[in-house]
Amino acid sequence: MMDDEDLNRIGSARGNAFDTMFLIQMIEHHEGAIDMAETEKQQGLYGPAKTLADDIITSQTAEITQMREML
């Protein structure tokens, strides 16, 4: 979670620095979605809900990989 200092840095960043901070924050956001899906799976999802969690994990992992390559 970002604190006020993080928000101020993002707000004052320009150009490549802003892009980098944006990508870092998006990676953290996607990692949170993966963590949530994995936690829900461990608690016993099945059927369509499990399929959705698996899809979230797969797609978010791919997007994280792509964003890391941009850094």
C-alpha atoms as a PDB file:
ATOM      1  CA  MET A   1       0.000   0.000   0.000  1.00  0.00           C
ATOM      2  CA  MET A   2       1.307   3.424  -0.905  1.00  0.00           C
ATOM      3  CA  ASP A   3       1.756   6.033   1.771  1.00  0.00           C
ATOM      4  CA  ASP A   4       1.605   9.823   1.308  1.00  0.00           C
ATOM      5  CA  GLU A   5       5.311   9.991   0.535  1.00  0.00           C
ATOM      6  CA  ASP A   6       4.921   7.444  -2.281  1.00  0.00           C
ATOM      7  CA  LEU A   7       1.964   9.364  -3.686  1.00  0.00           C
ATOM      8  CA  ASN A   8       3.951  12.617  -3.596  1.00  0.00           C
ATOM      9  CA  ARG A   9       6.869  10.991  -5.445  1.00  0.00           C
ATOM     10  CA  ILE A  10       4.525   9.675  -8.112  1.00  0.00           C
ATOM     11  CA  GLY A  11       2.810  13.040  -8.409  1.00  0.00           C
ATOM     12  CA  SER A  12       6.090  14.876  -8.898  1.00  0.00           C
ATOM     13  CA  ALA A  13       7.720  12.364 -11.242  1.00  0.00           C
ATOM     14  CA  ARG A  14       7.999  13.123 -14.923  1.00  0.00           C
ATOM     15  CA  GLY A  15       9.089  11.173 -17.993  1.00  0.00           C
ATOM     16  CA  ASN A  16      10.933   7.923 -17.422  1.00  0.00           C
ATOM     17  CA  ALA A  17      10.789   8.264 -13.645  1.00  0.00           C
ATOM     18  CA  PHE A  18       7.006   8.403 -13.769  1.00  0.00           C
ATOM     19  CA  ASP A  19       6.871   5.416 -16.128  1.00  0.00           C
ATOM     20  CA  THR A  20       9.085   3.419 -13.784  1.00  0.00           C
ATOM     21  CA  MET A  21       7.034   4.233 -10.703  1.00  0.00           C
ATOM     22  CA  PHE A  22       3.816   3.470 -12.579  1.00  0.00           C
ATOM     23  CA  LEU A  23       5.124   0.072 -13.660  1.00  0.00           C
ATOM     24  CA  ILE A  24       6.308  -0.742 -10.130  1.00  0.00           C
ATOM     25  CA  GLN A  25       2.909   0.130  -8.688  1.00  0.00           C
ATOM     26  CA  MET A  26       1.097  -1.894 -11.363  1.00  0.00           C
ATOM     27  CA  ILE A  27       3.325  -4.900 -10.678  1.00  0.00           C
ATOM     28  CA  GLU A  28       2.443  -4.668  -6.980  1.00  0.00           C
ATOM     29  CA  HIS A  29      -1.243  -4.401  -7.877  1.00  0.00           C
ATOM     30  CA  HIS A  30      -1.077  -7.497 -10.092  1.00  0.00           C
ATOM     31  CA  GLU A  31       0.861  -9.401  -7.422  1.00  0.00           C
ATOM     32  CA  GLY A  32      -1.966  -8.597  -4.994  1.00  0.00           C
ATOM     33  CA  ALA A  33      -4.521 -10.060  -7.412  1.00  0.00           C
ATOM     34  CA  ILE A  34      -2.427 -13.220  -7.723  1.00  0.00           C
ATOM     35  CA  ASP A  35      -2.097 -13.520  -3.937  1.00  0.00           C
ATOM     36  CA  MET A  36      -5.851 -13.148  -3.512  1.00  0.00           C
ATOM     37  CA  ALA A  37      -6.617 -15.764  -6.171  1.00  0.00           C
ATOM     38  CA  GLU A  38      -4.114 -18.200  -4.666  1.00  0.00           C
ATOM     39  CA  THR A  39      -5.538 -17.677  -1.168  1.00  0.00           C
ATOM     40  CA  GLU A  40      -9.058 -18.310  -2.409  1.00  0.00           C
ATOM     41  CA  LYS A  41      -7.933 -21.474  -4.197  1.00  0.00           C
ATOM     42  CA  GLN A  42      -6.352 -22.753  -0.975  1.00  0.00           C
ATOM     43  CA  GLN A  43      -9.662 -22.200   0.785  1.00  0.00           C
ATOM     44  CA  GLY A  44     -11.423 -24.622  -1.530  1.00  0.00           C
ATOM     45  CA  LEU A  45     -12.612 -23.027  -4.745  1.00  0.00           C
ATOM     46  CA  TYR A  46     -13.980 -25.406  -7.366  1.00  0.00           C
ATOM     47  CA  GLY A  47     -15.735 -25.295 -10.730  1.00  0.00           C
ATOM     48  CA  PRO A  48     -16.051 -21.920 -12.470  1.00  0.00           C
ATOM     49  CA  ALA A  49     -14.616 -19.993  -9.508  1.00  0.00           C
ATOM     50  CA  LYS A  50     -11.436 -22.121  -9.538  1.00  0.00           C
ATOM     51  CA  THR A  51     -11.161 -21.704 -13.298  1.00  0.00           C
ATOM     52  CA  LEU A  52     -11.452 -17.930 -12.891  1.00  0.00           C
ATOM     53  CA  ALA A  53      -8.779 -17.913 -10.160  1.00  0.00           C
ATOM     54  CA  ASP A  54      -6.463 -19.978 -12.378  1.00  0.00           C
ATOM     55  CA  ASP A  55      -7.072 -17.583 -15.280  1.00  0.00           C
ATOM     56  CA  ILE A  56      -6.336 -14.575 -13.054  1.00  0.00           C
ATOM     57  CA  ILE A  57      -3.072 -16.124 -11.894  1.00  0.00           C
ATOM     58  CA  THR A  58      -2.018 -16.937 -15.463  1.00  0.00           C
ATOM     59  CA  SER A  59      -2.941 -13.588 -16.995  1.00  0.00           C
ATOM     60  CA  GLN A  60      -1.579 -11.458 -14.164  1.00  0.00           C
ATOM     61  CA  THR A  61       1.695 -13.415 -14.151  1.00  0.00           C
ATOM     62  CA  ALA A  62       2.070 -12.790 -17.892  1.00  0.00           C
ATOM     63  CA  GLU A  63       1.396  -9.082 -17.451  1.00  0.00           C
ATOM     64  CA  ILE A  64       3.919  -8.847 -14.605  1.00  0.00           C
ATOM     65  CA  THR A  65       6.537 -10.471 -16.838  1.00  0.00           C
ATOM     66  CA  GLN A  66       5.791  -7.974 -19.590  1.00  0.00           C
ATOM     67  CA  MET A  67       5.961  -4.988 -17.219  1.00  0.00           C
ATOM     68  CA  ARG A  68       9.250  -6.173 -15.679  1.00  0.00           C
ATOM     69  CA  GLU A  69      10.731  -6.289 -19.174  1.00  0.00           C
ATOM     70  CA  MET A  70       9.800  -2.611 -19.561  1.00  0.00           C
ATOM     71  CA  LEU A  71      11.728  -1.580 -16.443  1.00  0.00           C
END
